[in-house]
């Protein structure tokens, strides 16, 4: 089974970084990565065909326009079962509290520990398949 992951981040280098760090999983067909540079683009991509393949959303908090926390709120209203992991450079208690209160599956701080992220993805996907 291929796990679809939608990465939402306005930093252009994040796509290259994720493709590099998930290159083995991409080659083996275990992961399909999709990218959006804004929350608005992420919603558009989800509404135009990434579901059900995108089984996990990884979203930055601070982006121009709609924030990652606002995206989280929209996704919770429209698709309450899709797992959303918030990624932020600011791992402070307030951001963590707001993300978890908003329904985030987890919060990951930058720089991203990709070994831990891969474990989290496996855990989240296993849990969502069991539900």
C-alpha atoms as a PDB file:
ATOM      1  CA  UNK A   1       0.000   0.000   0.000  1.00  0.00           C
ATOM      2  CA  UNK A   2       1.205   3.489  -0.844  1.00  0.00           C
ATOM      3  CA  UNK A   3       0.910   6.115   1.882  1.00  0.00           C
ATOM      4  CA  UNK A   4      -0.033   9.522   0.527  1.00  0.00           C
ATOM      5  CA  UNK A   5       1.449  12.476   2.384  1.00  0.00           C
ATOM      6  CA  UNK A   6       0.580  16.103   1.650  1.00  0.00           C
ATOM      7  CA  UNK A   7       3.341  18.449   2.846  1.00  0.00           C
ATOM      8  CA  UNK A   8       2.160  22.051   3.272  1.00  0.00           C
ATOM      9  CA  UNK A   9       4.999  24.553   3.659  1.00  0.00           C
ATOM     10  CA  UNK A  10       5.830  27.886   2.043  1.00  0.00           C
ATOM     11  CA  UNK A  11       9.595  27.211   2.160  1.00  0.00           C
ATOM     12  CA  UNK A  12      10.594  26.086  -1.360  1.00  0.00           C
ATOM     13  CA  UNK A  13      13.474  23.895  -0.150  1.00  0.00           C
ATOM     14  CA  UNK A  14      11.150  21.661   1.888  1.00  0.00           C
ATOM     15  CA  UNK A  15      10.067  19.716  -1.205  1.00  0.00           C
ATOM     16  CA  UNK A  16      13.661  18.787  -2.075  1.00  0.00           C
ATOM     17  CA  UNK A  17      14.394  17.926   1.547  1.00  0.00           C
ATOM     18  CA  UNK A  18      11.367  15.618   1.872  1.00  0.00           C
ATOM     19  CA  UNK A  19      12.068  13.953  -1.485  1.00  0.00           C
ATOM     20  CA  UNK A  20      15.673  13.343  -0.420  1.00  0.00           C
ATOM     21  CA  UNK A  21      14.799  11.994   3.036  1.00  0.00           C
ATOM     22  CA  UNK A  22      11.987   9.749   1.715  1.00  0.00           C
ATOM     23  CA  UNK A  23      13.812   8.677  -1.469  1.00  0.00           C
ATOM     24  CA  UNK A  24      13.925   4.966  -0.552  1.00  0.00           C
ATOM     25  CA  UNK A  25      10.231   4.922   0.341  1.00  0.00           C
ATOM     26  CA  UNK A  26       9.417   6.828  -2.863  1.00  0.00           C
ATOM     27  CA  UNK A  27      11.413   4.383  -4.999  1.00  0.00           C
ATOM     28  CA  UNK A  28       9.770   1.388  -3.320  1.00  0.00           C
ATOM     29  CA  UNK A  29       6.290   2.837  -3.827  1.00  0.00           C
ATOM     30  CA  UNK A  30       5.653   2.963  -0.085  1.00  0.00           C
ATOM     31  CA  UNK A  31       5.098   6.727  -0.058  1.00  0.00           C
ATOM     32  CA  UNK A  32       3.615   9.252  -2.473  1.00  0.00           C
ATOM     33  CA  UNK A  33       4.558  12.822  -1.588  1.00  0.00           C
ATOM     34  CA  UNK A  34       2.413  15.785  -2.613  1.00  0.00           C
ATOM     35  CA  UNK A  35       3.304  19.399  -1.926  1.00  0.00           C
ATOM     36  CA  UNK A  36       1.407  22.643  -1.449  1.00  0.00           C
ATOM     37  CA  UNK A  37       3.047  25.999  -0.778  1.00  0.00           C
ATOM     38  CA  UNK A  38       0.040  27.421   1.083  1.00  0.00           C
ATOM     39  CA  UNK A  39      -2.933  26.265   3.123  1.00  0.00           C
ATOM     40  CA  UNK A  40      -5.246  27.469   0.364  1.00  0.00           C
ATOM     41  CA  UNK A  41      -3.394  25.378  -2.223  1.00  0.00           C
ATOM     42  CA  UNK A  42      -3.545  22.376   0.123  1.00  0.00           C
ATOM     43  CA  UNK A  43      -7.328  22.650   0.414  1.00  0.00           C
ATOM     44  CA  UNK A  44      -7.642  22.966  -3.356  1.00  0.00           C
ATOM     45  CA  UNK A  45      -5.440  19.910  -3.926  1.00  0.00           C
ATOM     46  CA  UNK A  46      -7.381  17.865  -1.370  1.00  0.00           C
ATOM     47  CA  UNK A  47     -10.717  18.883  -2.885  1.00  0.00           C
ATOM     48  CA  UNK A  48      -9.589  18.054  -6.423  1.00  0.00           C
ATOM     49  CA  UNK A  49      -8.444  14.520  -5.983  1.00  0.00           C
ATOM     50  CA  UNK A  50      -5.807  13.809  -3.348  1.00  0.00           C
ATOM     51  CA  UNK A  51      -8.384  12.049  -1.180  1.00  0.00           C
ATOM     52  CA  UNK A  52      -8.322   9.197  -0.389  1.00  0.00           C
ATOM     53  CA  UNK A  53      -4.643   8.895  -1.346  1.00  0.00           C
ATOM     54  CA  UNK A  54      -3.502  11.726   0.934  1.00  0.00           C
ATOM     55  CA  UNK A  55      -3.935   9.939   4.214  1.00  0.00           C
ATOM     56  CA  UNK A  56      -1.738  12.328   6.175  1.00  0.00           C
ATOM     57  CA  UNK A  57      -1.201  16.094   6.108  1.00  0.00           C
ATOM     58  CA  UNK A  58       2.041  17.639   7.417  1.00  0.00           C
ATOM     59  CA  UNK A  59       1.543  21.389   7.732  1.00  0.00           C
ATOM     60  CA  UNK A  60       3.783  24.248   8.776  1.00  0.00           C
ATOM     61  CA  UNK A  61       2.152  26.735  11.170  1.00  0.00           C
ATOM     62  CA  UNK A  62       3.502  30.051   9.891  1.00  0.00           C
ATOM     63  CA  UNK A  63       2.628  30.684   6.246  1.00  0.00           C
ATOM     64  CA  UNK A  64       1.378  33.729   4.358  1.00  0.00           C
ATOM     65  CA  UNK A  65      -2.399  33.870   4.161  1.00  0.00           C
ATOM     66  CA  UNK A  66      -4.091  31.064   6.036  1.00  0.00           C
ATOM     67  CA  UNK A  67      -1.930  29.614   8.821  1.00  0.00           C
ATOM     68  CA  UNK A  68      -1.386  25.932   9.441  1.00  0.00           C
ATOM     69  CA  UNK A  69      -3.598  26.167  12.523  1.00  0.00           C
ATOM     70  CA  UNK A  70      -6.395  27.679  10.425  1.00  0.00           C
ATOM     71  CA  UNK A  71      -5.906  24.882   7.876  1.00  0.00           C
ATOM     72  CA  UNK A  72      -6.149  22.385  10.729  1.00  0.00           C
ATOM     73  CA  UNK A  73      -9.485  23.912  11.757  1.00  0.00           C
ATOM     74  CA  UNK A  74     -10.846  23.714   8.208  1.00  0.00           C
ATOM     75  CA  UNK A  75      -9.714  20.105   7.813  1.00  0.00           C
ATOM     76  CA  UNK A  76     -11.283  19.148  11.146  1.00  0.00           C
ATOM     77  CA  UNK A  77     -14.629  20.574   9.954  1.00  0.00           C
ATOM     78  CA  UNK A  78     -14.489  19.127   6.427  1.00  0.00           C
ATOM     79  CA  UNK A  79     -12.561  15.866   6.925  1.00  0.00           C
ATOM     80  CA  UNK A  80     -12.398  15.055  10.625  1.00  0.00           C
ATOM     81  CA  UNK A  81     -10.679  11.700  10.126  1.00  0.00           C
ATOM     82  CA  UNK A  82      -7.639  12.865   8.141  1.00  0.00           C
ATOM     83  CA  UNK A  83      -4.546  12.908  10.378  1.00  0.00           C
ATOM     84  CA  UNK A  84      -2.819  16.297  10.542  1.00  0.00           C
ATOM     85  CA  UNK A  85       0.678  16.731  11.961  1.00  0.00           C
ATOM     86  CA  UNK A  86       1.730  20.322  12.587  1.00  0.00           C
ATOM     87  CA  UNK A  87       5.357  21.200  11.802  1.00  0.00           C
ATOM     88  CA  UNK A  88       6.843  24.339  13.324  1.00  0.00           C
ATOM     89  CA  UNK A  89      10.138  26.061  13.995  1.00  0.00           C
ATOM     90  CA  UNK A  90       8.616  27.232  17.281  1.00  0.00           C
ATOM     91  CA  UNK A  91       8.059  24.288  19.610  1.00  0.00           C
ATOM     92  CA  UNK A  92       6.754  26.474  22.414  1.00  0.00           C
ATOM     93  CA  UNK A  93       3.983  25.379  24.754  1.00  0.00           C
ATOM     94  CA  UNK A  94       1.424  27.792  23.283  1.00  0.00           C
ATOM     95  CA  UNK A  95       1.793  26.478  19.724  1.00  0.00           C
ATOM     96  CA  UNK A  96       1.667  22.906  20.987  1.00  0.00           C
ATOM     97  CA  UNK A  97      -1.422  23.624  23.086  1.00  0.00           C
ATOM     98  CA  UNK A  98      -3.209  25.326  20.187  1.00  0.00           C
ATOM     99  CA  UNK A  99      -2.310  22.566  17.728  1.00  0.00           C
ATOM    100  CA  UNK A 100      -3.419  19.739  19.995  1.00  0.00           C
ATOM    101  CA  UNK A 101      -6.577  21.591  21.101  1.00  0.00           C
ATOM    102  CA  UNK A 102      -7.362  22.127  17.413  1.00  0.00           C
ATOM    103  CA  UNK A 103      -7.242  18.403  16.751  1.00  0.00           C
ATOM    104  CA  UNK A 104      -3.696  17.866  15.482  1.00  0.00           C
ATOM    105  CA  UNK A 105      -2.465  14.295  15.594  1.00  0.00           C
ATOM    106  CA  UNK A 106       0.963  15.503  16.715  1.00  0.00           C
ATOM    107  CA  UNK A 107       3.383  18.443  16.578  1.00  0.00           C
ATOM    108  CA  UNK A 108       6.905  18.174  15.120  1.00  0.00           C
ATOM    109  CA  UNK A 109       9.575  20.859  15.488  1.00  0.00           C
ATOM    110  CA  UNK A 110      12.071  21.998  12.858  1.00  0.00           C
ATOM    111  CA  UNK A 111      14.670  20.955  12.046  1.00  0.00           C
ATOM    112  CA  UNK A 112      12.661  17.817  11.369  1.00  0.00           C
ATOM    113  CA  UNK A 113      14.016  14.559  12.759  1.00  0.00           C
ATOM    114  CA  UNK A 114      13.145  12.423   9.727  1.00  0.00           C
ATOM    115  CA  UNK A 115      13.773   9.084  11.471  1.00  0.00           C
ATOM    116  CA  UNK A 116      11.240  10.056  14.141  1.00  0.00           C
ATOM    117  CA  UNK A 117       8.888  11.463  11.489  1.00  0.00           C
ATOM    118  CA  UNK A 118       8.946   8.179   9.550  1.00  0.00           C
ATOM    119  CA  UNK A 119       8.041   6.302  12.741  1.00  0.00           C
ATOM    120  CA  UNK A 120       5.239   8.784  13.400  1.00  0.00           C
ATOM    121  CA  UNK A 121       3.920   8.359   9.836  1.00  0.00           C
ATOM    122  CA  UNK A 122       3.885   4.571  10.271  1.00  0.00           C
ATOM    123  CA  UNK A 123       2.099   4.868  13.622  1.00  0.00           C
ATOM    124  CA  UNK A 124      -0.490   7.329  12.302  1.00  0.00           C
ATOM    125  CA  UNK A 125      -1.179   5.319   9.153  1.00  0.00           C
ATOM    126  CA  UNK A 126      -1.481   2.063  11.113  1.00  0.00           C
ATOM    127  CA  UNK A 127      -3.881   3.737  13.527  1.00  0.00           C
ATOM    128  CA  UNK A 128      -6.020   5.288  10.790  1.00  0.00           C
ATOM    129  CA  UNK A 129      -6.306   1.949   8.976  1.00  0.00           C
ATOM    130  CA  UNK A 130      -7.460   0.247  12.162  1.00  0.00           C
ATOM    131  CA  UNK A 131     -10.156   2.877  12.713  1.00  0.00           C
END
